[in-house]
């Protein structure tokens, strides 16, 4: 199973994005996202596309649909507990740590991202969680 970071979904949905082709290659049939990805999509789309209400709902659902990813619910208390263990080792931003924690709880084998900081710590992420970071 492959966890898709928000950056992958955004770039894959926008064919004018410089990372579009790379992001599309990262989409796989066995892809998952967390509610955190969905929340970030709402935030990014509302600020950059400047839509709200039903239009925003439809846009977010469209981006998720074209990614082919399943939204998997997790217990966020568990994700925070993992974050506390990983933070000192990975030294990443809070949302990045939450994504990695969510992927770990989902037992994802791969973490697809375009985030350079996560990619730069990919070896350490794999050591600590067993998840391979791909970009």
N, C-alpha and C. Protein backbone atom coordinates (compact mmCIF):
# COMPACT_ATOMS: atom_id res chain seq x y z
N UNK A 1 0.84 -1.17 0.00
CA UNK A 1 0.00 0.00 0.00
C UNK A 1 0.89 1.24 0.00
N UNK A 2 0.47 2.25 -0.74
CA UNK A 2 1.22 3.49 -0.87
C UNK A 2 0.41 4.65 -0.30
N UNK A 3 0.98 5.36 0.66
CA UNK A 3 0.38 6.57 1.21
C UNK A 3 0.77 7.73 0.33
N UNK A 4 -0.22 8.51 -0.09
CA UNK A 4 0.04 9.68 -0.93
C UNK A 4 0.00 10.95 -0.09
N UNK A 5 1.08 11.69 -0.13
CA UNK A 5 1.15 12.98 0.55
C UNK A 5 0.34 13.99 -0.26
N UNK A 6 -0.09 15.04 0.38
CA UNK A 6 -0.91 16.07 -0.26
C UNK A 6 -0.23 16.65 -1.49
N UNK A 7 1.06 16.83 -1.43
CA UNK A 7 1.79 17.42 -2.56
C UNK A 7 1.61 16.61 -3.84
N UNK A 8 1.52 15.31 -3.71
CA UNK A 8 1.35 14.44 -4.88
C UNK A 8 -0.03 14.66 -5.50
N UNK A 9 -1.06 14.71 -4.68
CA UNK A 9 -2.41 14.90 -5.20
C UNK A 9 -2.56 16.25 -5.89
N UNK A 10 -2.01 17.29 -5.30
CA UNK A 10 -2.13 18.63 -5.87
C UNK A 10 -1.41 18.70 -7.22
N UNK A 11 -0.21 18.18 -7.28
CA UNK A 11 0.54 18.22 -8.54
C UNK A 11 -0.08 17.32 -9.61
N UNK A 12 -0.60 16.18 -9.20
CA UNK A 12 -1.22 15.27 -10.17
C UNK A 12 -2.49 15.87 -10.76
N UNK A 13 -3.22 16.65 -9.98
CA UNK A 13 -4.47 17.23 -10.43
C UNK A 13 -4.28 18.44 -11.35
N UNK A 14 -3.10 19.04 -11.32
CA UNK A 14 -2.85 20.25 -12.09
C UNK A 14 -1.85 19.95 -13.21
N UNK A 15 -2.34 19.83 -14.42
CA UNK A 15 -1.45 19.46 -15.52
C UNK A 15 -0.46 20.57 -15.89
N UNK A 16 -0.60 21.75 -15.31
CA UNK A 16 0.37 22.82 -15.52
C UNK A 16 1.44 22.86 -14.43
N UNK A 17 1.30 22.04 -13.42
CA UNK A 17 2.27 21.99 -12.34
C UNK A 17 3.58 21.39 -12.88
N UNK A 18 4.73 21.97 -12.52
CA UNK A 18 6.00 21.43 -13.02
C UNK A 18 6.28 19.99 -12.58
N UNK A 19 5.65 19.53 -11.50
CA UNK A 19 5.83 18.16 -11.01
C UNK A 19 4.70 17.23 -11.43
N UNK A 20 3.83 17.69 -12.33
CA UNK A 20 2.65 16.91 -12.70
C UNK A 20 2.99 15.49 -13.15
N UNK A 21 3.86 15.35 -14.11
CA UNK A 21 4.17 14.01 -14.64
C UNK A 21 4.75 13.10 -13.56
N UNK A 22 5.63 13.65 -12.76
CA UNK A 22 6.22 12.88 -11.66
C UNK A 22 5.14 12.45 -10.67
N UNK A 23 4.22 13.36 -10.35
CA UNK A 23 3.15 13.05 -9.40
C UNK A 23 2.23 11.97 -9.96
N UNK A 24 1.89 12.06 -11.22
CA UNK A 24 1.01 11.05 -11.83
C UNK A 24 1.65 9.67 -11.76
N UNK A 25 2.97 9.60 -11.95
CA UNK A 25 3.67 8.30 -11.84
C UNK A 25 3.61 7.73 -10.42
N UNK A 26 3.46 8.60 -9.43
CA UNK A 26 3.41 8.14 -8.03
C UNK A 26 2.04 7.60 -7.62
N UNK A 27 1.02 7.89 -8.41
CA UNK A 27 -0.31 7.36 -8.11
C UNK A 27 -0.30 5.86 -8.39
N UNK A 28 -0.88 5.10 -7.51
CA UNK A 28 -0.94 3.65 -7.73
C UNK A 28 -2.32 3.15 -7.35
N UNK A 29 -2.66 1.95 -7.86
CA UNK A 29 -3.97 1.38 -7.60
C UNK A 29 -4.24 1.09 -6.15
N UNK A 30 -3.19 0.88 -5.37
CA UNK A 30 -3.33 0.54 -3.96
C UNK A 30 -2.92 1.73 -3.10
N UNK A 31 -3.46 2.91 -3.44
CA UNK A 31 -3.07 4.14 -2.76
C UNK A 31 -4.08 4.51 -1.69
N UNK A 32 -3.56 5.11 -0.62
CA UNK A 32 -4.40 5.58 0.48
C UNK A 32 -3.99 7.00 0.87
N UNK A 33 -4.96 7.70 1.46
CA UNK A 33 -4.68 8.99 2.07
C UNK A 33 -5.39 9.03 3.41
N UNK A 34 -4.99 9.97 4.23
CA UNK A 34 -5.66 10.16 5.52
C UNK A 34 -6.58 11.37 5.44
N UNK A 35 -7.37 11.55 6.48
CA UNK A 35 -8.21 12.74 6.59
C UNK A 35 -7.35 14.00 6.62
N UNK A 36 -6.11 13.88 7.06
CA UNK A 36 -5.20 15.03 7.06
C UNK A 36 -4.95 15.52 5.64
N UNK A 37 -4.77 14.63 4.70
CA UNK A 37 -4.60 15.01 3.30
C UNK A 37 -5.85 15.75 2.83
N UNK A 38 -7.00 15.20 3.15
CA UNK A 38 -8.25 15.85 2.75
C UNK A 38 -8.36 17.25 3.36
N UNK A 39 -7.99 17.40 4.61
CA UNK A 39 -8.03 18.71 5.26
C UNK A 39 -7.07 19.69 4.59
N UNK A 40 -5.89 19.22 4.24
CA UNK A 40 -4.94 20.09 3.55
C UNK A 40 -5.46 20.48 2.17
N UNK A 41 -6.11 19.56 1.48
CA UNK A 41 -6.70 19.90 0.18
C UNK A 41 -7.73 21.01 0.33
N UNK A 42 -8.57 20.92 1.35
CA UNK A 42 -9.55 21.97 1.60
C UNK A 42 -8.84 23.31 1.81
N UNK A 43 -7.81 23.31 2.59
CA UNK A 43 -7.09 24.54 2.89
C UNK A 43 -6.43 25.12 1.64
N UNK A 44 -5.70 24.30 0.93
CA UNK A 44 -4.98 24.77 -0.26
C UNK A 44 -5.95 25.26 -1.34
N UNK A 45 -6.97 24.46 -1.60
CA UNK A 45 -7.92 24.83 -2.66
C UNK A 45 -8.70 26.10 -2.30
N UNK A 46 -9.08 26.26 -1.05
CA UNK A 46 -9.84 27.45 -0.67
C UNK A 46 -8.99 28.71 -0.82
N UNK A 47 -7.69 28.59 -0.57
CA UNK A 47 -6.81 29.76 -0.67
C UNK A 47 -6.35 30.04 -2.09
N UNK A 48 -6.07 28.99 -2.86
CA UNK A 48 -5.49 29.18 -4.18
C UNK A 48 -6.50 29.23 -5.31
N UNK A 49 -7.57 28.48 -5.20
CA UNK A 49 -8.60 28.48 -6.23
C UNK A 49 -9.71 29.45 -5.86
N UNK A 50 -9.76 29.78 -4.58
CA UNK A 50 -10.72 30.75 -4.05
C UNK A 50 -12.17 30.36 -4.31
N UNK A 51 -12.47 29.12 -3.94
CA UNK A 51 -13.86 28.65 -3.97
C UNK A 51 -14.24 28.23 -2.56
N UNK A 52 -15.55 28.13 -2.33
CA UNK A 52 -16.02 27.70 -1.02
C UNK A 52 -17.30 26.91 -1.18
N UNK A 53 -17.82 26.42 -0.07
CA UNK A 53 -19.08 25.71 -0.06
C UNK A 53 -19.08 24.46 -0.92
N UNK A 54 -20.15 24.26 -1.66
CA UNK A 54 -20.31 23.06 -2.48
C UNK A 54 -19.25 22.96 -3.57
N UNK A 55 -18.83 24.11 -4.11
CA UNK A 55 -17.79 24.08 -5.14
C UNK A 55 -16.48 23.56 -4.56
N UNK A 56 -16.15 23.98 -3.35
CA UNK A 56 -14.94 23.50 -2.69
C UNK A 56 -15.05 22.01 -2.40
N UNK A 57 -16.20 21.58 -1.89
CA UNK A 57 -16.42 20.15 -1.64
C UNK A 57 -16.20 19.34 -2.91
N UNK A 58 -16.79 19.81 -4.01
CA UNK A 58 -16.70 19.09 -5.28
C UNK A 58 -15.26 19.04 -5.79
N UNK A 59 -14.55 20.14 -5.65
CA UNK A 59 -13.17 20.19 -6.11
C UNK A 59 -12.29 19.22 -5.32
N UNK A 60 -12.44 19.23 -4.01
CA UNK A 60 -11.65 18.32 -3.18
C UNK A 60 -11.97 16.86 -3.53
N UNK A 61 -13.25 16.54 -3.65
CA UNK A 61 -13.64 15.17 -4.00
C UNK A 61 -13.10 14.78 -5.38
N UNK A 62 -13.10 15.72 -6.32
CA UNK A 62 -12.56 15.47 -7.66
C UNK A 62 -11.08 15.12 -7.59
N UNK A 63 -10.31 15.90 -6.84
CA UNK A 63 -8.87 15.65 -6.72
C UNK A 63 -8.62 14.27 -6.09
N UNK A 64 -9.39 13.93 -5.08
CA UNK A 64 -9.25 12.61 -4.45
C UNK A 64 -9.63 11.52 -5.43
N UNK A 65 -10.74 11.71 -6.15
CA UNK A 65 -11.19 10.70 -7.12
C UNK A 65 -10.15 10.44 -8.20
N UNK A 66 -9.58 11.50 -8.76
CA UNK A 66 -8.62 11.27 -9.84
C UNK A 66 -7.32 10.65 -9.33
N UNK A 67 -7.06 10.78 -8.04
CA UNK A 67 -5.86 10.15 -7.48
C UNK A 67 -6.03 8.64 -7.35
N UNK A 68 -7.28 8.20 -7.28
CA UNK A 68 -7.54 6.77 -7.10
C UNK A 68 -7.30 6.30 -5.67
N UNK A 69 -7.06 7.23 -4.76
CA UNK A 69 -6.74 6.86 -3.38
C UNK A 69 -8.00 6.67 -2.55
N UNK A 70 -7.88 5.77 -1.59
CA UNK A 70 -8.95 5.54 -0.63
C UNK A 70 -8.64 6.37 0.62
N UNK A 71 -9.65 7.05 1.14
CA UNK A 71 -9.47 7.79 2.40
C UNK A 71 -9.66 6.79 3.54
N UNK A 72 -8.61 6.61 4.32
CA UNK A 72 -8.63 5.66 5.43
C UNK A 72 -8.67 6.43 6.74
N UNK A 73 -9.61 6.09 7.57
CA UNK A 73 -9.72 6.74 8.87
C UNK A 73 -8.80 6.04 9.87
N UNK A 74 -8.19 6.84 10.72
CA UNK A 74 -7.34 6.30 11.78
C UNK A 74 -7.72 6.98 13.08
N UNK A 75 -7.18 6.44 14.18
CA UNK A 75 -7.34 7.09 15.47
C UNK A 75 -6.21 8.12 15.61
N UNK A 76 -6.57 9.38 15.62
CA UNK A 76 -5.56 10.43 15.65
C UNK A 76 -4.77 10.46 16.96
N UNK A 77 -5.36 9.94 18.03
CA UNK A 77 -4.60 9.84 19.29
C UNK A 77 -3.37 8.96 19.07
N UNK A 78 -3.55 7.87 18.30
CA UNK A 78 -2.43 6.98 18.00
C UNK A 78 -1.39 7.68 17.13
N UNK A 79 -1.85 8.47 16.17
CA UNK A 79 -0.92 9.19 15.30
C UNK A 79 -0.09 10.20 16.10
N UNK A 80 -0.73 10.87 17.05
CA UNK A 80 0.02 11.82 17.87
C UNK A 80 1.05 11.10 18.73
N UNK A 81 0.68 9.95 19.28
CA UNK A 81 1.65 9.19 20.08
C UNK A 81 2.87 8.82 19.25
N UNK A 82 2.65 8.38 18.00
CA UNK A 82 3.78 8.05 17.12
C UNK A 82 4.59 9.29 16.79
N UNK A 83 3.89 10.39 16.56
CA UNK A 83 4.58 11.65 16.26
C UNK A 83 5.55 11.98 17.39
N UNK A 84 5.11 11.83 18.64
CA UNK A 84 5.97 12.15 19.77
C UNK A 84 7.24 11.30 19.77
N UNK A 85 7.12 10.06 19.32
CA UNK A 85 8.29 9.18 19.25
C UNK A 85 9.20 9.52 18.08
N UNK A 86 8.61 9.96 16.98
CA UNK A 86 9.39 10.21 15.76
C UNK A 86 10.00 11.61 15.71
N UNK A 87 9.41 12.56 16.40
CA UNK A 87 9.80 13.97 16.26
C UNK A 87 11.28 14.21 16.50
N UNK A 88 11.81 13.69 17.59
CA UNK A 88 13.21 13.92 17.92
C UNK A 88 14.18 13.26 16.95
N UNK A 89 13.72 12.20 16.31
CA UNK A 89 14.57 11.48 15.36
C UNK A 89 14.52 12.07 13.96
N UNK A 90 13.34 12.52 13.53
CA UNK A 90 13.18 12.98 12.15
C UNK A 90 13.32 14.50 11.99
N UNK A 91 12.97 15.24 13.03
CA UNK A 91 13.07 16.70 13.00
C UNK A 91 12.39 17.31 11.76
N UNK A 92 11.14 16.92 11.57
CA UNK A 92 10.33 17.43 10.47
C UNK A 92 9.23 18.32 11.02
N UNK A 93 8.55 19.03 10.14
CA UNK A 93 7.42 19.87 10.53
C UNK A 93 6.28 18.99 11.05
N UNK A 94 5.43 19.59 11.85
CA UNK A 94 4.35 18.86 12.50
C UNK A 94 3.48 18.08 11.51
N UNK A 95 2.99 18.74 10.46
CA UNK A 95 2.12 18.05 9.51
C UNK A 95 2.84 16.91 8.80
N UNK A 96 4.13 17.09 8.50
CA UNK A 96 4.89 16.01 7.87
C UNK A 96 4.99 14.81 8.82
N UNK A 97 5.24 15.08 10.09
CA UNK A 97 5.30 14.01 11.07
C UNK A 97 3.95 13.31 11.22
N UNK A 98 2.86 14.08 11.17
CA UNK A 98 1.53 13.48 11.25
C UNK A 98 1.24 12.59 10.05
N UNK A 99 1.66 13.02 8.86
CA UNK A 99 1.47 12.19 7.67
C UNK A 99 2.25 10.88 7.81
N UNK A 100 3.47 10.96 8.25
CA UNK A 100 4.29 9.75 8.40
C UNK A 100 3.69 8.85 9.48
N UNK A 101 3.22 9.44 10.55
CA UNK A 101 2.57 8.67 11.61
C UNK A 101 1.31 7.98 11.09
N UNK A 102 0.51 8.70 10.33
CA UNK A 102 -0.71 8.12 9.76
C UNK A 102 -0.37 6.97 8.82
N UNK A 103 0.63 7.17 7.98
CA UNK A 103 1.05 6.11 7.06
C UNK A 103 1.52 4.87 7.82
N UNK A 104 2.20 5.09 8.92
CA UNK A 104 2.68 3.99 9.74
C UNK A 104 1.52 3.22 10.36
N UNK A 105 0.54 3.94 10.88
CA UNK A 105 -0.63 3.30 11.47
C UNK A 105 -1.40 2.49 10.43
N UNK A 106 -1.44 3.01 9.20
CA UNK A 106 -2.13 2.30 8.11
C UNK A 106 -1.33 1.12 7.58
N UNK A 107 -0.10 1.01 8.06
CA UNK A 107 0.82 -0.04 7.62
C UNK A 107 1.17 0.09 6.14
N UNK A 108 1.32 1.33 5.70
CA UNK A 108 1.75 1.59 4.32
C UNK A 108 3.19 1.12 4.16
N UNK A 109 3.50 0.61 3.00
CA UNK A 109 4.88 0.20 2.72
C UNK A 109 5.67 1.32 2.06
N UNK A 110 4.94 2.24 1.39
CA UNK A 110 5.59 3.35 0.70
C UNK A 110 4.90 4.66 1.08
N UNK A 111 5.69 5.72 1.03
CA UNK A 111 5.21 7.07 1.31
C UNK A 111 5.60 7.92 0.11
N UNK A 112 4.62 8.29 -0.72
CA UNK A 112 4.89 9.08 -1.92
C UNK A 112 4.74 10.55 -1.59
N UNK A 113 5.78 11.32 -1.89
CA UNK A 113 5.78 12.75 -1.59
C UNK A 113 6.66 13.51 -2.56
N UNK A 114 6.39 14.79 -2.70
CA UNK A 114 7.26 15.70 -3.45
C UNK A 114 7.96 16.66 -2.50
N UNK A 115 7.77 16.45 -1.21
CA UNK A 115 8.35 17.30 -0.17
C UNK A 115 9.83 16.97 0.00
N UNK A 116 10.69 17.94 -0.29
CA UNK A 116 12.14 17.70 -0.27
C UNK A 116 12.67 17.37 1.12
N UNK A 117 12.05 17.95 2.15
CA UNK A 117 12.53 17.66 3.52
C UNK A 117 12.26 16.20 3.88
N UNK A 118 11.08 15.70 3.54
CA UNK A 118 10.77 14.30 3.83
C UNK A 118 11.66 13.39 3.01
N UNK A 119 11.82 13.70 1.73
CA UNK A 119 12.69 12.90 0.86
C UNK A 119 14.11 12.87 1.42
N UNK A 120 14.58 14.02 1.90
CA UNK A 120 15.92 14.11 2.46
C UNK A 120 16.13 13.27 3.71
N UNK A 121 15.05 12.93 4.39
CA UNK A 121 15.14 12.10 5.59
C UNK A 121 14.57 10.70 5.34
N UNK A 122 14.43 10.37 4.07
CA UNK A 122 13.83 9.09 3.69
C UNK A 122 14.49 7.87 4.30
N UNK A 123 15.81 7.86 4.34
CA UNK A 123 16.52 6.71 4.93
C UNK A 123 16.16 6.55 6.41
N UNK A 124 16.09 7.66 7.10
CA UNK A 124 15.77 7.61 8.54
C UNK A 124 14.31 7.22 8.75
N UNK A 125 13.41 7.70 7.88
CA UNK A 125 12.00 7.31 7.96
C UNK A 125 11.90 5.80 7.80
N UNK A 126 12.62 5.25 6.84
CA UNK A 126 12.58 3.80 6.63
C UNK A 126 13.15 3.04 7.83
N UNK A 127 14.24 3.52 8.38
CA UNK A 127 14.82 2.87 9.57
C UNK A 127 13.83 2.81 10.72
N UNK A 128 13.13 3.91 10.96
CA UNK A 128 12.24 4.01 12.11
C UNK A 128 10.88 3.38 11.92
N UNK A 129 10.39 3.38 10.67
CA UNK A 129 9.00 2.93 10.43
C UNK A 129 8.89 1.75 9.48
N UNK A 130 9.93 1.50 8.70
CA UNK A 130 9.85 0.46 7.67
C UNK A 130 9.20 0.95 6.40
N UNK A 131 8.84 2.23 6.34
CA UNK A 131 8.19 2.80 5.16
C UNK A 131 9.24 3.40 4.24
N UNK A 132 9.18 3.03 2.97
CA UNK A 132 10.10 3.56 1.97
C UNK A 132 9.53 4.86 1.40
N UNK A 133 10.30 5.93 1.47
CA UNK A 133 9.88 7.21 0.92
C UNK A 133 10.25 7.23 -0.56
N UNK A 134 9.26 7.52 -1.40
CA UNK A 134 9.49 7.60 -2.85
C UNK A 134 9.07 8.97 -3.35
N UNK A 135 9.74 9.41 -4.41
CA UNK A 135 9.45 10.74 -4.92
C UNK A 135 9.43 10.74 -6.43
